[in-house]
Amino acid sequence: MFVFRWWIKGITIALLGWLSTQGSLGNPIKWAVHRSSPAYLTDPLLTEIERRAFRFFWEQADPNTGLVKDRASNVGPADNYTVASIASTGYALAALPIAVQHHWITSQQGYERALITLRFVVEKMPNVHGWYYHFVDMHTGERVWNCELSSIDTALLLLGALSAGAQWPATEVQRLADTMYTRLDWQWMLTNGGQDPQKRVLSMGWKPESGFLSANWDSYSEGIMLYLLGIGAPKNPLPAACWWAWTRPRYTYHGLTSFVGGPIFLHEMPYEFFDFRGWRDRDGWNYWRNAANGVEINRLFCLDHRKERKTYAAGMWGLNASDGPDGYNAYGVPKPEDGTVSPTGAIAAILFEPNQACAIAHAMYSQFHERLWGRYGFSNAFNLDRDWFDKDVIGIDLGMALLGIEDARTGFEWRRIAALPSTKRAWQRIGFSPSDVTEGK
């Protein structure tokens, strides 16, 4: 089964009631604040994880379209997959400037790959009102699996394009990225094609056979990236009121309070592009602090259930939307869980818990590298209770690990996105103001 993430929102929200009843163990602390050790800044294993993740994006792109596979074989024989995801392609574009900085490729090589990709995406690949299909044939760009136009995956593609444009300003790469942004019809995705003009939450997508999906980005999720891009858009932006139209359900566990439960990526993906550190919105919401607590809750939940699962008893954590022994699943706090953990989910937590992320990377490598480590780093997931180790990697998860490590070390992607005029407009229109990490809700 391949990556379908938009459906997990309902699962996570349904679990909030359960989480709110869970008491603290020991002496609770109100917020998770961790000191950083300098070790992670130069740790060679983290560097190798980042480099191998980039290798996936470089090797698994079609040379003529630039589209990147959704997944690839990591351990064992080569695969024959031909399906690309636009989100994986977005991460590939964001990874190119990082690879240039590390001298893994030259600037010219990076520029040429970005140009091939954006020329195809902007000028040749099918779209509707500027929105792209979630999964496409990597050779032709044609829709596969009768999938939806995906609003969130288009956002990830756009963020990658904007990152590449910032790396090569005043070039065709930047022009194409700007074209992709300006032609996005935000009002169409917001109002269901004009059928509901008062609607203030974006649809998750659209299908030509059935129209707009019934699911909307109406609660805290990775969808906050969409609203930041839309509110700051250079043409026909979303009204700032859209930022306040989605709910912010919370729960408390071990004395830590955070937005929603579910997979760990909800608390990682938006924060690798947008730098929320030291900011709160006009209603006092401190998104960075809530995300940090969400990551720590994920770790503590696994530790609390060590007697029930062999995976957790080995010190492993990182419940995430990932492959599993019985197929793809949205593993998270408090369920579903069956002992399956995601290496990249735990590693991307380096944004908030660098010491813990570095330690878990070394623990996974030292204990399981013979079955888990391959050409592109750690495979997507494993489960000791079922003696199951994935043989594939998934592009978006490698992308999150790559960006997470780079931001934690250098802040590279944060600076790129923060410098965009669209980000500055969104910040101003929403009313973000400076805040200490301990301030706000």
Protein backbone atom coordinates (compact mmCIF):
# COMPACT_ATOMS: atom_id res chain seq x y z
CA MET A 1 0.00 0.00 0.00
CA PHE A 2 1.25 3.47 -0.85
CA VAL A 3 1.09 6.78 0.95
CA PHE A 4 -2.34 8.21 1.61
CA ARG A 5 -2.09 10.63 4.51
CA TRP A 6 -5.10 12.85 4.19
CA TRP A 7 -7.42 10.30 5.80
CA ILE A 8 -5.63 10.09 9.15
CA LYS A 9 -7.02 13.37 10.50
CA GLY A 10 -10.31 11.82 11.53
CA ILE A 11 -8.50 9.05 13.38
CA THR A 12 -6.39 11.43 15.43
CA ILE A 13 -9.26 13.70 16.41
CA ALA A 14 -11.34 10.73 17.53
CA LEU A 15 -8.62 9.82 20.02
CA LEU A 16 -8.47 13.13 21.84
CA GLY A 17 -11.09 12.24 24.40
CA TRP A 18 -9.09 9.21 25.47
CA LEU A 19 -5.88 11.18 25.72
CA SER A 20 -7.39 13.92 27.84
CA THR A 21 -8.15 11.33 30.54
CA GLN A 22 -4.59 10.04 30.85
CA GLY A 23 -2.92 11.12 34.04
CA SER A 24 0.70 11.95 34.77
CA LEU A 25 3.26 9.51 36.14
CA GLY A 26 5.91 10.64 38.56
CA ASN A 27 6.50 14.37 38.87
CA PRO A 28 4.87 16.05 35.86
CA ILE A 29 6.42 18.96 34.08
CA LYS A 30 4.25 21.47 32.33
CA TRP A 31 6.17 21.82 29.06
CA ALA A 32 8.86 19.83 27.33
CA VAL A 33 11.98 21.97 27.05
CA HIS A 34 15.23 20.17 26.19
CA ARG A 35 18.78 21.43 26.16
CA SER A 36 20.80 20.72 23.05
CA SER A 37 24.11 18.93 23.08
CA PRO A 38 26.65 19.96 20.46
CA ALA A 39 27.25 16.30 19.56
CA TYR A 40 24.40 16.15 17.04
CA LEU A 41 25.89 19.05 15.09
CA THR A 42 28.73 16.92 13.76
CA ASP A 43 27.51 13.37 14.37
CA PRO A 44 28.68 11.29 11.37
CA LEU A 45 25.68 8.94 11.40
CA LEU A 46 23.25 11.85 11.11
CA THR A 47 25.31 13.23 8.24
CA GLU A 48 25.17 9.87 6.50
CA ILE A 49 21.40 9.62 7.04
CA GLU A 50 21.02 13.02 5.41
CA ARG A 51 23.35 12.16 2.53
CA ARG A 52 21.64 8.86 1.79
CA ALA A 53 18.24 10.51 1.87
CA PHE A 54 19.45 12.93 -0.78
CA ARG A 55 20.79 10.02 -2.79
CA PHE A 56 17.21 8.71 -3.03
CA PHE A 57 15.95 12.01 -4.46
CA TRP A 58 18.86 12.20 -6.89
CA GLU A 59 18.75 8.62 -8.14
CA GLN A 60 15.01 7.94 -8.11
CA ALA A 61 14.00 10.87 -10.32
CA ASP A 62 13.05 10.38 -13.94
CA PRO A 63 15.82 12.07 -15.99
CA ASN A 64 13.34 13.63 -18.43
CA THR A 65 10.60 14.81 -16.06
CA GLY A 66 12.38 15.20 -12.72
CA LEU A 67 9.44 13.47 -11.03
CA VAL A 68 10.55 11.39 -8.04
CA LYS A 69 9.26 7.99 -7.04
CA ASP A 70 6.90 7.77 -4.12
CA ARG A 71 8.97 4.88 -2.77
CA ALA A 72 11.89 2.65 -3.68
CA SER A 73 13.52 -0.58 -2.59
CA ASN A 74 16.15 0.00 0.07
CA VAL A 75 17.16 -3.52 1.05
CA GLY A 76 17.26 -6.36 -1.44
CA PRO A 77 16.69 -6.41 -5.20
CA ALA A 78 15.87 -3.33 -7.26
CA ASP A 79 12.22 -2.39 -7.63
CA ASN A 80 10.11 -1.77 -10.71
CA TYR A 81 8.01 1.04 -9.23
CA THR A 82 7.00 3.78 -11.66
CA VAL A 83 4.68 5.90 -9.51
CA ALA A 84 5.87 9.33 -8.43
CA SER A 85 4.32 11.50 -5.76
CA ILE A 86 4.24 15.25 -6.10
CA ALA A 87 5.14 15.55 -2.41
CA SER A 88 8.25 13.44 -2.89
CA THR A 89 9.12 15.64 -5.87
CA GLY A 90 8.69 18.71 -3.69
CA TYR A 91 11.10 17.35 -1.12
CA ALA A 92 13.54 16.57 -3.91
CA LEU A 93 13.45 20.20 -5.02
CA ALA A 94 13.99 21.38 -1.44
CA ALA A 95 16.89 18.94 -1.06
CA LEU A 96 18.82 20.26 -4.07
CA PRO A 97 20.06 23.50 -2.42
CA ILE A 98 21.07 21.53 0.68
CA ALA A 99 23.05 19.09 -1.46
CA VAL A 100 24.81 22.02 -3.13
CA GLN A 101 25.76 23.44 0.28
CA HIS A 102 27.24 20.06 1.27
CA HIS A 103 29.06 19.73 -2.10
CA TRP A 104 27.28 16.45 -2.84
CA ILE A 105 26.47 17.98 -6.24
CA THR A 106 27.57 21.16 -7.98
CA SER A 107 25.35 24.21 -8.21
CA GLN A 108 25.06 23.65 -11.95
CA GLN A 109 23.91 20.07 -11.44
CA GLY A 110 21.33 21.20 -8.92
CA TYR A 111 20.09 23.99 -11.15
CA GLU A 112 19.74 21.70 -14.16
CA ARG A 113 17.74 19.14 -12.16
CA ALA A 114 15.48 21.84 -10.73
CA LEU A 115 14.96 23.29 -14.21
CA ILE A 116 14.05 19.93 -15.75
CA THR A 117 11.58 19.28 -12.95
CA LEU A 118 9.90 22.67 -12.95
CA ARG A 119 9.69 22.94 -16.72
CA PHE A 120 7.83 19.65 -16.79
CA VAL A 121 5.61 20.34 -13.78
CA VAL A 122 4.65 23.87 -14.77
CA GLU A 123 4.49 23.53 -18.55
CA LYS A 124 3.49 19.92 -19.21
CA MET A 125 2.02 18.10 -16.21
CA PRO A 126 -1.79 17.99 -15.91
CA ASN A 127 -3.31 20.26 -13.28
CA VAL A 128 -6.71 21.73 -12.50
CA HIS A 129 -6.81 25.36 -11.36
CA GLY A 130 -3.11 24.98 -10.56
CA TRP A 131 -3.59 21.96 -8.27
CA TYR A 132 -1.85 18.67 -9.02
CA TYR A 133 -2.73 15.02 -8.70
CA HIS A 134 -1.30 13.24 -5.68
CA PHE A 135 0.26 10.32 -7.57
CA VAL A 136 1.41 10.35 -11.19
CA ASP A 137 3.37 8.23 -13.62
CA MET A 138 6.98 9.31 -13.17
CA HIS A 139 7.64 9.14 -16.92
CA THR A 140 4.55 10.95 -18.22
CA GLY A 141 3.10 12.92 -15.30
CA GLU A 142 -0.32 11.37 -15.92
CA ARG A 143 -2.64 10.65 -13.00
CA VAL A 144 -2.57 7.10 -11.58
CA TRP A 145 -4.83 5.06 -9.28
CA ASN A 146 -7.73 7.47 -9.86
CA CYS A 147 -6.19 9.59 -7.13
CA GLU A 148 -7.31 13.04 -6.06
CA LEU A 149 -5.98 16.49 -6.81
CA SER A 150 -4.28 16.90 -3.46
CA SER A 151 -4.14 20.31 -1.82
CA ILE A 152 -1.55 19.36 0.80
CA ASP A 153 0.70 17.53 -1.65
CA THR A 154 0.53 20.46 -4.05
CA ALA A 155 1.66 22.62 -1.12
CA LEU A 156 4.70 20.41 -0.55
CA LEU A 157 5.52 20.54 -4.25
CA LEU A 158 5.23 24.34 -4.15
CA LEU A 159 7.41 24.67 -1.05
CA GLY A 160 10.12 22.68 -2.81
CA ALA A 161 9.80 24.84 -5.91
CA LEU A 162 10.05 28.03 -3.85
CA SER A 163 13.13 26.67 -2.07
CA ALA A 164 14.79 25.97 -5.40
CA GLY A 165 13.78 29.40 -6.68
CA ALA A 166 15.38 31.04 -3.66
CA GLN A 167 18.60 29.11 -4.31
CA TRP A 168 18.79 30.30 -7.91
CA PRO A 169 17.19 33.77 -7.93
CA ALA A 170 16.55 35.72 -11.13
CA THR A 171 16.68 32.51 -13.17
CA GLU A 172 14.15 30.43 -15.06
CA VAL A 173 13.90 28.18 -12.00
CA GLN A 174 12.63 31.06 -9.89
CA ARG A 175 10.32 32.24 -12.66
CA LEU A 176 8.75 28.81 -12.97
CA ALA A 177 8.33 28.52 -9.19
CA ASP A 178 6.63 31.92 -9.13
CA THR A 179 4.37 30.88 -12.01
CA MET A 180 3.31 27.77 -10.11
CA TYR A 181 2.44 29.92 -7.09
CA THR A 182 0.56 32.68 -8.88
CA ARG A 183 -1.66 30.37 -10.90
CA LEU A 184 -2.94 28.44 -7.88
CA ASP A 185 -6.67 29.10 -7.54
CA TRP A 186 -7.06 29.29 -3.78
CA GLN A 187 -10.69 30.37 -3.92
CA TRP A 188 -11.62 27.34 -6.01
CA MET A 189 -10.20 24.92 -3.41
CA LEU A 190 -11.64 26.99 -0.55
CA THR A 191 -15.23 27.38 -1.75
CA ASN A 192 -15.64 24.02 -3.50
CA GLY A 193 -15.51 25.66 -6.88
CA GLY A 194 -17.78 28.52 -5.81
CA GLN A 195 -20.55 26.25 -4.52
CA ASP A 196 -20.00 27.42 -0.92
CA PRO A 197 -18.75 31.02 -1.05
CA GLN A 198 -18.80 31.43 2.76
CA LYS A 199 -16.62 28.38 3.41
CA ARG A 200 -13.38 29.18 5.23
CA VAL A 201 -11.57 25.83 5.35
CA LEU A 202 -9.75 24.33 2.38
CA SER A 203 -10.82 21.06 0.84
CA MET A 204 -8.37 18.18 1.00
CA GLY A 205 -8.82 17.60 -2.71
CA TRP A 206 -10.94 17.02 -5.78
CA LYS A 207 -11.66 14.20 -8.23
CA PRO A 208 -13.01 14.64 -11.76
CA GLU A 209 -15.41 11.74 -11.22
CA SER A 210 -17.00 12.95 -7.98
CA GLY A 211 -15.94 16.52 -7.28
CA PHE A 212 -14.55 17.87 -4.02
CA LEU A 213 -13.68 15.48 -1.22
CA SER A 214 -15.90 15.64 1.84
CA ALA A 215 -12.83 16.01 4.07
CA ASN A 216 -11.50 19.51 4.78
CA TRP A 217 -8.47 20.94 6.53
CA ASP A 218 -10.66 21.98 9.45
CA SER A 219 -8.47 20.99 12.40
CA TYR A 220 -4.81 21.21 13.45
CA SER A 221 -2.68 19.10 11.12
CA GLU A 222 0.06 19.38 8.53
CA GLY A 223 -2.53 21.49 6.69
CA ILE A 224 -1.32 24.59 8.51
CA MET A 225 1.30 24.83 5.73
CA LEU A 226 -1.51 25.27 3.21
CA TYR A 227 -2.99 28.18 5.10
CA LEU A 228 0.35 29.96 5.44
CA LEU A 229 0.97 29.61 1.71
CA GLY A 230 -2.58 30.65 0.85
CA ILE A 231 -2.82 33.65 3.17
CA GLY A 232 0.56 34.91 1.94
CA ALA A 233 -0.12 34.11 -1.72
CA PRO A 234 0.96 36.76 -4.27
CA LYS A 235 -2.35 36.52 -6.17
CA ASN A 236 -5.90 36.13 -4.85
CA PRO A 237 -4.78 35.07 -1.37
CA LEU A 238 -6.93 33.36 1.19
CA PRO A 239 -8.55 35.69 3.73
CA ALA A 240 -6.72 35.74 7.04
CA ALA A 241 -9.96 34.54 8.63
CA CYS A 242 -9.12 31.08 7.29
CA TRP A 243 -6.37 30.81 9.92
CA TRP A 244 -8.99 30.99 12.65
CA ALA A 245 -11.52 28.71 10.96
CA TRP A 246 -9.83 25.42 11.88
CA THR A 247 -10.03 23.96 15.36
CA ARG A 248 -7.16 23.40 17.76
CA PRO A 249 -8.12 20.40 19.93
CA ARG A 250 -5.62 19.59 22.65
CA TYR A 251 -4.76 16.84 25.10
CA THR A 252 -2.50 16.35 28.08
CA TYR A 253 -0.25 13.39 28.80
CA HIS A 254 2.49 13.18 31.43
CA GLY A 255 1.75 16.80 32.25
CA LEU A 256 2.50 17.88 28.67
CA THR A 257 -0.16 19.68 26.65
CA SER A 258 -0.19 19.58 22.86
CA PHE A 259 -2.42 19.80 19.81
CA VAL A 260 -4.05 16.50 18.76
CA GLY A 261 -2.52 13.04 18.90
CA GLY A 262 -1.81 10.59 16.16
CA PRO A 263 1.32 10.19 14.03
CA ILE A 264 4.46 12.07 14.92
CA PHE A 265 4.77 13.68 11.48
CA LEU A 266 1.89 16.03 12.32
CA HIS A 267 4.27 17.77 14.71
CA GLU A 268 7.25 17.73 12.35
CA MET A 269 6.34 18.36 8.73
CA PRO A 270 5.17 22.01 8.93
CA TYR A 271 7.97 22.94 11.33
CA GLU A 272 10.74 21.93 8.93
CA PHE A 273 9.67 24.58 6.43
CA PHE A 274 8.23 27.33 8.63
CA ASP A 275 10.22 28.53 11.62
CA PHE A 276 7.70 28.96 14.43
CA ARG A 277 10.34 29.35 17.12
CA GLY A 278 9.83 32.51 19.12
CA TRP A 279 6.43 33.35 17.64
CA ARG A 280 2.79 33.21 18.70
CA ASP A 281 -0.28 34.34 16.82
CA ARG A 282 -2.68 37.08 17.89
CA ASP A 283 -4.72 34.61 19.96
CA GLY A 284 -1.63 33.55 21.86
CA TRP A 285 -1.11 30.13 20.27
CA ASN A 286 2.50 28.96 20.55
CA TYR A 287 2.72 26.36 17.79
CA TRP A 288 6.35 25.44 18.34
CA ARG A 289 5.79 24.56 21.97
CA ASN A 290 2.70 22.48 21.19
CA ALA A 291 4.62 20.57 18.51
CA ALA A 292 7.58 19.94 20.82
CA ASN A 293 5.23 18.51 23.40
CA GLY A 294 3.49 16.37 20.79
CA VAL A 295 6.84 14.82 19.84
CA GLU A 296 7.76 14.16 23.46
CA ILE A 297 4.36 12.59 24.14
CA ASN A 298 4.94 10.20 21.25
CA ARG A 299 8.23 9.11 22.79
CA LEU A 300 6.85 8.80 26.32
CA PHE A 301 3.86 6.80 25.13
CA CYS A 302 6.18 4.16 23.66
CA LEU A 303 8.26 4.05 26.84
CA ASP A 304 5.11 3.62 28.93
CA HIS A 305 4.16 0.52 26.94
CA ARG A 306 7.50 -1.30 27.08
CA LYS A 307 5.95 -4.25 28.90
CA GLU A 308 3.44 -4.73 26.09
CA ARG A 309 5.62 -4.45 22.97
CA LYS A 310 9.05 -5.86 22.19
CA THR A 311 9.79 -2.87 19.95
CA TYR A 312 9.28 -0.39 22.77
CA ALA A 313 11.09 -2.64 25.26
CA ALA A 314 14.16 -2.26 23.03
CA GLY A 315 13.92 1.51 23.55
CA MET A 316 12.43 2.21 20.15
CA TRP A 317 9.85 4.95 19.49
CA GLY A 318 8.41 7.01 16.65
CA LEU A 319 4.75 6.16 15.96
CA ASN A 320 4.06 7.51 12.51
CA ALA A 321 2.07 7.09 9.32
CA SER A 322 4.19 4.36 7.76
CA ASP A 323 4.39 0.91 6.30
CA GLY A 324 3.52 -1.91 8.67
CA PRO A 325 3.42 -5.71 8.72
CA ASP A 326 -0.12 -5.64 7.35
CA GLY A 327 0.21 -2.65 5.04
CA TYR A 328 0.33 1.11 5.34
CA ASN A 329 -1.18 2.52 8.54
CA ALA A 330 -1.46 5.77 10.47
CA TYR A 331 0.26 4.62 13.64
CA GLY A 332 0.05 7.13 16.45
CA VAL A 333 -0.80 8.01 20.02
CA PRO A 334 -2.70 6.22 21.49
CA LYS A 335 -3.72 3.99 18.59
CA PRO A 336 -3.54 2.36 16.19
CA GLU A 337 -0.28 0.87 17.35
CA ASP A 338 1.09 -2.64 17.14
CA GLY A 339 4.78 -2.13 17.87
CA THR A 340 5.60 -0.64 14.46
CA VAL A 341 7.87 2.40 14.58
CA SER A 342 9.28 4.74 11.94
CA PRO A 343 13.03 5.49 12.04
CA THR A 344 12.61 8.70 10.05
CA GLY A 345 9.73 9.80 12.30
CA ALA A 346 11.99 9.56 15.34
CA ILE A 347 14.96 11.14 13.56
CA ALA A 348 12.91 14.12 12.33
CA ALA A 349 12.19 14.84 16.01
CA ILE A 350 15.71 16.30 16.05
CA LEU A 351 14.06 19.70 15.59
CA PHE A 352 12.79 19.52 19.16
CA GLU A 353 14.84 16.78 20.83
CA PRO A 354 18.28 16.63 19.23
CA ASN A 355 19.80 14.45 21.93
CA GLN A 356 16.99 11.92 21.85
CA ALA A 357 16.90 11.83 18.04
CA CYS A 358 20.64 11.33 17.79
CA ALA A 359 20.53 8.59 20.42
CA ILE A 360 17.68 6.69 18.76
CA ALA A 361 19.43 6.84 15.38
CA HIS A 362 22.52 5.22 16.89
CA ALA A 363 20.44 2.66 18.79
CA MET A 364 18.58 1.62 15.64
CA TYR A 365 21.78 1.39 13.64
CA SER A 366 23.74 -0.58 16.24
CA GLN A 367 20.93 -3.06 16.91
CA PHE A 368 19.28 -3.51 13.52
CA HIS A 369 21.46 -2.19 10.70
CA GLU A 370 21.81 -5.62 9.08
CA ARG A 371 18.05 -5.73 8.40
CA LEU A 372 17.11 -2.05 8.41
CA TRP A 373 19.95 -0.09 6.80
CA GLY A 374 20.35 0.16 3.05
CA ARG A 375 21.30 2.32 0.11
CA TYR A 376 19.01 5.15 1.21
CA GLY A 377 19.53 4.87 4.95
CA PHE A 378 16.95 3.37 7.28
CA SER A 379 14.00 1.57 5.72
CA ASN A 380 10.58 3.04 6.37
CA ALA A 381 9.53 1.03 9.44
CA PHE A 382 10.05 -2.09 11.54
CA ASN A 383 8.23 -4.16 14.17
CA LEU A 384 10.10 -6.46 16.57
CA ASP A 385 6.88 -8.01 17.86
CA ARG A 386 6.21 -9.38 14.39
CA ASP A 387 9.89 -9.78 13.44
CA TRP A 388 9.16 -7.55 10.46
CA PHE A 389 11.55 -5.12 8.79
CA ASP A 390 10.46 -3.02 5.82
CA LYS A 391 12.47 -3.27 2.63
CA ASP A 392 11.29 0.05 1.15
CA VAL A 393 11.86 3.72 1.80
CA ILE A 394 9.20 6.40 1.22
CA GLY A 395 10.22 9.73 -0.25
CA ILE A 396 8.34 12.10 2.01
CA ASP A 397 9.69 10.41 5.14
CA LEU A 398 13.25 10.62 3.88
CA GLY A 399 12.57 14.26 3.08
CA MET A 400 11.42 14.97 6.61
CA ALA A 401 14.54 13.36 8.06
CA LEU A 402 16.79 15.30 5.68
CA LEU A 403 15.19 18.69 6.34
CA GLY A 404 14.93 18.01 10.06
CA ILE A 405 18.62 17.27 10.43
CA GLU A 406 19.62 20.25 8.28
CA ASP A 407 17.38 22.71 10.12
CA ALA A 408 18.50 21.46 13.53
CA ARG A 409 22.12 21.94 12.50
CA THR A 410 22.08 25.04 10.31
CA GLY A 411 18.53 26.39 10.00
CA PHE A 412 18.99 26.31 6.22
CA GLU A 413 15.41 25.62 5.12
CA TRP A 414 13.96 27.83 7.84
CA ARG A 415 15.91 30.80 6.52
CA ARG A 416 14.93 30.07 2.92
CA ILE A 417 11.21 29.97 3.67
CA ALA A 418 11.23 32.81 6.22
CA ALA A 419 12.83 35.14 3.65
CA LEU A 420 10.05 34.63 1.10
CA PRO A 421 7.77 37.66 0.64
CA SER A 422 4.79 35.30 0.91
CA THR A 423 5.87 34.11 4.36
CA LYS A 424 6.34 37.67 5.55
CA ARG A 425 2.86 38.57 4.28
CA ALA A 426 1.29 35.57 5.98
CA TRP A 427 3.04 36.33 9.27
CA GLN A 428 1.81 39.93 9.13
CA ARG A 429 -1.75 39.12 8.08
CA ILE A 430 -2.16 36.47 10.76
CA GLY A 431 -0.64 38.72 13.38
CA PHE A 432 2.32 36.72 14.66
CA SER A 433 4.37 38.47 17.31
CA PRO A 434 7.63 37.57 19.08
CA SER A 435 7.25 35.18 21.98
CA ASP A 436 9.38 33.26 24.41
CA VAL A 437 9.18 29.48 24.07
CA THR A 438 7.35 29.28 27.40
CA GLU A 439 4.78 31.97 26.55
CA GLY A 440 1.36 31.53 25.01
CA LYS A 441 -1.09 28.67 24.82
